[in-house]
Amino acid sequence: MINRRFSLVLACALAVGAVALPQTARADNLLINRVKQEKGMNLPTRGMTMAQVERKYGAPQRKLSPRGGDSAKHPVINRWDYDTFIVYFEKNHVIHSVLNTPAGNNTDPAAAK
């Protein structure tokens, strides 16, 4: 009985793994392609100030409400959305810039609630 149950659990795990593996490989390829594409673009670089970003790239389409700031471990994070990329700031300086996702997943998380 235990051996039969183990066989059933093992078969289910292998089936799930076989289905998930191609999706993981596809996601890895998409991420690699996206990183390569970002390297070829003129995105705001780490350390730029908000004023420098706005001077160089213009006003963003949207400035989301700041998040965090409740402690030194959680500094204020701002997000500015441009047409083709998003810029993340810690306090007043760029910490990361990324391309927009084509699926429209760049919505304000607070608005989704």
Protein backbone atom coordinates (compact mmCIF):
# COMPACT_ATOMS: atom_id res chain seq x y z
CA MET A 1 0.00 0.00 0.00
CA ILE A 2 2.76 2.48 0.96
CA ASN A 3 4.81 1.48 -2.08
CA ARG A 4 1.80 2.04 -4.35
CA ARG A 5 1.10 5.46 -2.79
CA PHE A 6 4.77 6.44 -3.21
CA SER A 7 4.63 5.41 -6.87
CA LEU A 8 1.54 7.55 -7.42
CA VAL A 9 3.13 10.59 -5.74
CA LEU A 10 6.33 10.11 -7.73
CA ALA A 11 4.41 9.82 -11.01
CA CYS A 12 2.49 13.03 -10.25
CA ALA A 13 5.69 14.90 -9.35
CA LEU A 14 7.37 13.79 -12.58
CA ALA A 15 4.34 14.84 -14.62
CA VAL A 16 4.26 18.29 -13.03
CA GLY A 17 8.02 18.65 -13.53
CA ALA A 18 7.76 17.71 -17.19
CA VAL A 19 5.09 20.38 -17.76
CA ALA A 20 6.92 23.08 -15.78
CA LEU A 21 10.36 22.52 -17.33
CA PRO A 22 9.61 23.97 -20.79
CA GLN A 23 8.00 27.05 -19.20
CA THR A 24 11.05 27.63 -16.99
CA ALA A 25 13.38 27.34 -19.97
CA ARG A 26 11.22 29.78 -21.95
CA ALA A 27 11.20 32.27 -19.07
CA ASP A 28 14.98 32.03 -18.79
CA ASN A 29 15.35 32.76 -22.51
CA LEU A 30 13.00 35.73 -22.28
CA LEU A 31 14.94 37.14 -19.33
CA ILE A 32 18.28 36.70 -21.11
CA ASN A 33 16.94 38.40 -24.25
CA ARG A 34 15.50 41.25 -22.19
CA VAL A 35 18.80 41.84 -20.38
CA LYS A 36 20.66 41.89 -23.71
CA GLN A 37 18.14 44.37 -25.10
CA GLU A 38 18.45 46.62 -22.03
CA LYS A 39 22.24 46.74 -22.38
CA GLY A 40 21.86 48.15 -25.89
CA MET A 41 19.48 50.91 -24.79
CA ASN A 42 20.18 54.33 -23.37
CA LEU A 43 18.51 53.87 -19.96
CA PRO A 44 19.06 55.99 -16.84
CA THR A 45 22.09 54.68 -14.96
CA ARG A 46 22.55 53.88 -11.30
CA GLY A 47 23.35 56.96 -9.24
CA MET A 48 21.68 59.57 -11.46
CA THR A 49 19.46 61.98 -9.55
CA MET A 50 15.79 62.53 -10.28
CA ALA A 51 16.62 65.97 -11.70
CA GLN A 52 19.26 64.49 -14.02
CA VAL A 53 16.84 61.81 -15.26
CA GLU A 54 14.11 64.38 -15.91
CA ARG A 55 16.53 66.71 -17.74
CA LYS A 56 17.87 63.91 -19.95
CA TYR A 57 14.68 61.87 -20.60
CA GLY A 58 11.93 64.42 -19.99
CA ALA A 59 8.98 64.16 -17.66
CA PRO A 60 7.77 60.61 -17.01
CA GLN A 61 4.30 59.53 -18.09
CA ARG A 62 3.55 58.67 -14.49
CA LYS A 63 5.17 59.07 -11.08
CA LEU A 64 3.89 56.45 -8.67
CA SER A 65 3.43 57.20 -4.99
CA PRO A 66 6.56 56.57 -2.91
CA ARG A 67 6.78 53.29 -0.98
CA GLY A 68 8.75 52.38 2.13
CA GLY A 69 10.56 54.87 4.32
CA ASP A 70 9.32 53.35 7.55
CA SER A 71 12.87 52.49 8.71
CA ALA A 72 16.53 52.68 7.68
CA LYS A 73 16.20 49.12 6.32
CA HIS A 74 13.25 50.21 4.16
CA PRO A 75 14.24 53.46 2.39
CA VAL A 76 11.79 55.44 0.31
CA ILE A 77 11.47 53.92 -3.18
CA ASN A 78 9.99 55.93 -6.07
CA ARG A 79 9.02 54.61 -9.49
CA TRP A 80 8.73 56.64 -12.64
CA ASP A 81 7.12 55.13 -15.73
CA TYR A 82 8.27 56.20 -19.18
CA ASP A 83 6.96 54.94 -22.51
CA THR A 84 9.57 52.20 -22.95
CA PHE A 85 11.19 51.86 -19.52
CA ILE A 86 10.70 52.19 -15.76
CA VAL A 87 13.11 53.88 -13.37
CA TYR A 88 13.37 52.96 -9.69
CA PHE A 89 14.83 55.47 -7.24
CA GLU A 90 16.02 55.03 -3.68
CA LYS A 91 15.30 58.39 -2.14
CA ASN A 92 16.55 60.70 -4.94
CA HIS A 93 18.94 58.41 -6.87
CA VAL A 94 18.45 55.77 -9.57
CA ILE A 95 18.94 52.23 -8.32
CA HIS A 96 17.61 50.38 -11.40
CA SER A 97 16.10 50.93 -14.85
CA VAL A 98 14.20 48.23 -16.75
CA LEU A 99 12.26 47.88 -19.98
CA ASN A 100 8.47 47.92 -19.77
CA THR A 101 6.87 44.51 -20.03
CA PRO A 102 4.76 44.09 -23.16
CA ALA A 103 1.91 42.40 -21.28
CA GLY A 104 0.85 45.58 -19.49
CA ASN A 105 1.97 44.30 -16.08
CA ASN A 106 3.29 47.72 -15.09
CA THR A 107 0.33 48.87 -13.09
CA ASP A 108 0.32 50.47 -9.68
CA PRO A 109 0.01 47.58 -7.18
CA ALA A 110 -2.01 49.76 -4.82
CA ALA A 111 -4.62 50.35 -7.54
CA ALA A 112 -5.11 46.60 -8.00
CA LYS A 113 -6.41 46.17 -4.45
